[in-house]
Structure formats: structure tokens, C-alpha cells
Amino acid sequence: MPISRGMGEPAFRNQSLSKVNDLDLSDLGRPDSFRYNILTMVINEEYDRAIRTLKEFIESDSAYPNFRMKIERYALHSIDLIYAIRTKRNFPGLGNLTRTKQQELREKFKEHFKELRFMMKKIEDSVEELRLNDVRSTGIVLKAFLFSLIIIFVSGVALDFAQGLGSSISIVFHEQADRAFEFVFSKFF
């Protein structure tokens, strides 16, 4: 993990950050994020730890039902990228290769690291998408529950009106109609 130099700026062991020349610290994500932890482990050449962390992440229990299905392919590809990065960085006989070959290995390392960073971002995005879908589905369930309560209430009021007040109105209406007919028949017949 990074060693703090004060003022919140991380320092990386062996100045490994210089090996990834065009890396901006903001590319690593928030310091407490999963992406940041994995990428700093790779920068610090803690490959086995990064791989173990990714495997534990895949195997971890989640509140989201399709978590593993959504995350596993990204995490497994990330593990493959970490192996590739380790191979490129620890290539035996690197000093004996021509400068062109050394430069090719460095470029491949940078490509793999960029792709790993992209995979970590995809994992974070997938987890966020799962969280948002969970919130949306919870909202849908709550709305359905609220609408069913409203329908039950309105049905109860309508039923009470039809059976209670409705029958009283019917009785009063029939009574008034009978009186009106009696009045009309008594005057004309």
C-alpha cells in the first residue's frame, strides 16, 4: 500500500509510479476505493496480493443476486492482466535485450496497466449499476405497495358507501318516491 508523505499525497514503494510514466493519480480513483487498492498493489509489485484480493472479491457474498455473474468476467480478465504485467515487469534477462525490445516490453506493460485500470473502472461501474438497480426495484416494490393500499382504501370506501350510505340513500329515495306517487294519486284519483 502507499506510504503517506504528508499532505495526503501517496508515495509508492521503490518509486514504482515512475515506471508508469503517464499515470495521473486521479486515474487510480478515490483512495478508499477497490480500484485504487488493486492498482496501487500492482504499482507496488504486490501481484499475489492483488490477485488474492480480486479472487476474494469474486467469491464474497453480496446482497445483489447477480453480482458474481456481472463481475466475474471483469475480475478474471483483471487477474490475467496482472499476470501479464508481472511477466512484463519481471522479464528475465531484460538488461540483455536491445533497447527496442525493452521499449516494446515497457509499452506492453503500459497497455496492460491501462486495460487493468479500465477493467477496475468497469467493476466499479457494474457494482454501482447493481446498487442502482436494487434501489430502483425497491422503489418499484414500495410504489406497488402504496398503490395497493390506496386501491384497498378506495375499494373499502366505495363498498361502505354502496352497502351503508348507499342503501340508506336508496331507502330515503324510495320513501320520497312513494310519498310523491301517493300525493299524485290522491289528487288525481
Protein backbone atom coordinates (compact mmCIF):
# COMPACT_ATOMS: atom_id res chain seq x y z
CA MET A 1 0.00 0.00 0.00
CA PRO A 2 1.11 3.57 -0.46
CA ILE A 3 3.17 5.24 2.19
CA SER A 4 1.95 8.70 3.11
CA ARG A 5 4.33 11.61 2.64
CA GLY A 6 2.10 14.09 4.36
CA MET A 7 -0.44 16.45 2.83
CA GLY A 8 -2.39 13.39 1.66
CA GLU A 9 0.00 12.64 -1.23
CA PRO A 10 0.81 8.94 -1.50
CA ALA A 11 4.34 7.78 -2.08
CA PHE A 12 4.81 4.42 -3.70
CA ARG A 13 7.48 1.93 -2.75
CA ASN A 14 10.57 1.97 -4.95
CA GLN A 15 9.11 4.94 -6.78
CA SER A 16 7.15 2.43 -8.87
CA LEU A 17 4.89 5.20 -10.07
CA SER A 18 7.70 6.43 -12.30
CA LYS A 19 7.51 3.08 -14.12
CA VAL A 20 4.04 4.06 -15.26
CA ASN A 21 5.13 7.41 -16.67
CA ASP A 22 1.85 8.80 -17.92
CA LEU A 23 -0.20 7.82 -14.87
CA ASP A 24 -2.21 10.52 -13.20
CA LEU A 25 -3.06 9.80 -9.55
CA SER A 26 -6.70 10.67 -10.26
CA ASP A 27 -6.76 7.68 -12.65
CA LEU A 28 -6.43 5.42 -9.63
CA GLY A 29 -9.78 6.52 -8.19
CA ARG A 30 -10.62 7.53 -4.65
CA PRO A 31 -8.04 6.40 -2.08
CA ASP A 32 -10.59 4.19 -0.31
CA SER A 33 -11.89 2.52 -3.47
CA PHE A 34 -11.41 -1.03 -4.68
CA ARG A 35 -9.82 0.24 -7.91
CA TYR A 36 -7.27 2.32 -6.00
CA ASN A 37 -6.30 -0.61 -3.78
CA ILE A 38 -5.80 -3.06 -6.66
CA LEU A 39 -3.92 -0.59 -8.87
CA THR A 40 -1.59 0.53 -6.09
CA MET A 41 -0.86 -3.12 -5.26
CA VAL A 42 0.12 -3.67 -8.90
CA ILE A 43 2.22 -0.48 -8.99
CA ASN A 44 3.94 -1.61 -5.79
CA GLU A 45 4.54 -5.04 -7.37
CA GLU A 46 2.31 -6.84 -4.86
CA TYR A 47 0.87 -9.03 -7.60
CA ASP A 48 -0.08 -12.05 -5.49
CA ARG A 49 -1.88 -9.84 -3.01
CA ALA A 50 -3.80 -8.08 -5.80
CA ILE A 51 -4.79 -11.43 -7.35
CA ARG A 52 -5.86 -12.80 -3.96
CA THR A 53 -7.93 -9.65 -3.32
CA LEU A 54 -9.66 -9.99 -6.69
CA LYS A 55 -10.41 -13.69 -6.10
CA GLU A 56 -11.82 -12.90 -2.65
CA PHE A 57 -13.91 -10.14 -4.21
CA ILE A 58 -15.39 -12.59 -6.72
CA GLU A 59 -16.13 -15.16 -4.01
CA SER A 60 -17.52 -12.68 -1.50
CA ASP A 61 -21.18 -12.78 -0.55
CA SER A 62 -23.18 -9.93 -1.95
CA ALA A 63 -26.62 -8.52 -1.35
CA TYR A 64 -27.13 -8.42 -5.12
CA PRO A 65 -28.35 -11.68 -6.68
CA ASN A 66 -26.44 -11.48 -9.97
CA PHE A 67 -23.28 -9.90 -8.53
CA ARG A 68 -20.97 -12.75 -9.42
CA MET A 69 -22.34 -13.14 -12.94
CA LYS A 70 -21.85 -9.42 -13.61
CA ILE A 71 -18.40 -9.05 -12.01
CA GLU A 72 -16.64 -12.37 -12.62
CA ARG A 73 -15.56 -11.86 -16.24
CA TYR A 74 -14.04 -8.45 -15.48
CA ALA A 75 -12.25 -9.74 -12.40
CA LEU A 76 -10.88 -12.83 -14.17
CA HIS A 77 -9.63 -10.68 -17.05
CA SER A 78 -8.04 -8.36 -14.49
CA ILE A 79 -6.23 -11.32 -12.92
CA ASP A 80 -4.92 -12.29 -16.36
CA LEU A 81 -3.74 -8.70 -16.88
CA ILE A 82 -1.93 -8.74 -13.53
CA TYR A 83 -0.13 -11.92 -14.57
CA ALA A 84 0.82 -10.27 -17.86
CA ILE A 85 2.05 -7.14 -16.07
CA ARG A 86 4.13 -9.24 -13.70
CA THR A 87 5.65 -11.10 -16.65
CA LYS A 88 6.50 -7.88 -18.48
CA ARG A 89 8.00 -6.20 -15.43
CA ASN A 90 9.98 -9.19 -14.21
CA PHE A 91 11.10 -10.40 -17.63
CA PRO A 92 14.27 -12.47 -17.15
CA GLY A 93 17.25 -11.04 -18.96
CA LEU A 94 15.61 -7.65 -19.50
CA GLY A 95 19.01 -5.96 -19.40
CA ASN A 96 20.33 -8.23 -22.15
CA LEU A 97 17.60 -7.22 -24.59
CA THR A 98 18.05 -4.46 -27.12
CA ARG A 99 16.66 -1.04 -26.26
CA THR A 100 13.93 -1.52 -28.85
CA LYS A 101 12.79 -4.77 -27.22
CA GLN A 102 12.97 -3.19 -23.76
CA GLN A 103 10.86 -0.29 -25.03
CA GLU A 104 8.34 -2.75 -26.51
CA LEU A 105 8.05 -4.51 -23.14
CA ARG A 106 7.52 -1.16 -21.39
CA GLU A 107 4.83 -0.19 -23.91
CA LYS A 108 3.10 -3.54 -23.47
CA PHE A 109 3.25 -3.06 -19.70
CA LYS A 110 1.64 0.37 -20.06
CA GLU A 111 -1.07 -1.05 -22.33
CA HIS A 112 -1.81 -3.84 -19.86
CA PHE A 113 -1.90 -1.38 -16.97
CA LYS A 114 -4.29 0.92 -18.84
CA GLU A 115 -6.51 -2.04 -19.62
CA LEU A 116 -6.36 -3.14 -15.95
CA ARG A 117 -7.36 0.37 -14.92
CA PHE A 118 -10.26 0.18 -17.39
CA MET A 119 -11.33 -3.23 -16.00
CA MET A 120 -11.27 -1.87 -12.45
CA LYS A 121 -13.45 1.03 -13.59
CA LYS A 122 -15.84 -1.46 -15.25
CA ILE A 123 -16.05 -3.42 -11.99
CA GLU A 124 -16.84 -0.25 -10.06
CA ASP A 125 -19.44 0.75 -12.65
CA SER A 126 -21.03 -2.70 -12.53
CA VAL A 127 -21.28 -2.63 -8.74
CA GLU A 128 -22.81 0.86 -8.95
CA GLU A 129 -25.27 -0.36 -11.60
CA LEU A 130 -26.26 -3.28 -9.37
CA ARG A 131 -26.77 -0.89 -6.47
CA LEU A 132 -28.91 1.46 -8.57
CA ASN A 133 -31.00 -1.42 -9.91
CA ASP A 134 -31.55 -2.58 -6.34
CA VAL A 135 -32.68 0.91 -5.32
CA ARG A 136 -34.98 1.11 -8.35
CA SER A 137 -36.52 -2.28 -7.66
CA THR A 138 -37.04 -1.32 -4.02
CA GLY A 139 -38.77 1.86 -5.22
CA ILE A 140 -41.00 -0.16 -7.54
CA VAL A 141 -41.97 -2.51 -4.72
CA LEU A 142 -42.75 0.42 -2.42
CA LYS A 143 -44.84 2.13 -5.11
CA ALA A 144 -46.73 -1.09 -5.80
CA PHE A 145 -47.38 -1.49 -2.07
CA LEU A 146 -48.58 2.12 -1.81
CA PHE A 147 -50.87 1.77 -4.85
CA SER A 148 -52.35 -1.44 -3.48
CA LEU A 149 -53.04 0.27 -0.15
CA ILE A 150 -54.74 3.14 -2.00
CA ILE A 151 -56.82 0.70 -4.07
CA ILE A 152 -57.84 -1.24 -0.95
CA PHE A 153 -58.79 2.01 0.81
CA VAL A 154 -60.80 3.33 -2.16
CA SER A 155 -62.50 -0.05 -2.59
CA GLY A 156 -63.38 -0.12 1.10
CA VAL A 157 -64.83 3.38 0.95
CA ALA A 158 -66.80 2.52 -2.21
CA LEU A 159 -68.07 -0.73 -0.66
CA ASP A 160 -69.03 1.04 2.56
CA PHE A 161 -70.78 3.75 0.55
CA ALA A 162 -72.63 1.17 -1.56
CA GLN A 163 -73.70 -1.01 1.37
CA GLY A 164 -74.06 1.52 4.15
CA LEU A 165 -74.79 5.02 2.95
CA GLY A 166 -75.91 3.80 -0.48
CA SER A 167 -78.66 1.62 0.98
CA SER A 168 -79.75 4.49 3.25
CA ILE A 169 -79.97 6.81 0.27
CA SER A 170 -81.93 4.14 -1.60
CA ILE A 171 -84.38 3.77 1.28
CA VAL A 172 -84.83 7.55 1.55
CA PHE A 173 -85.25 7.86 -2.25
CA HIS A 174 -87.89 5.08 -2.35
CA GLU A 175 -89.71 6.60 0.61
CA GLN A 176 -89.81 10.02 -1.08
CA ALA A 177 -90.89 8.45 -4.38
CA ASP A 178 -93.71 6.57 -2.62
CA ARG A 179 -94.87 9.79 -0.97
CA ALA A 180 -94.76 11.63 -4.29
CA PHE A 181 -96.80 8.89 -6.02
CA GLU A 182 -99.29 8.81 -3.14
CA PHE A 183 -99.69 12.59 -3.37
CA VAL A 184 -100.16 12.47 -7.14
CA PHE A 185 -102.66 9.55 -6.95
CA SER A 186 -104.55 11.16 -4.09
CA LYS A 187 -105.02 14.44 -6.02
CA PHE A 188 -105.95 12.94 -9.36
CA PHE A 189 -107.78 9.75 -8.44
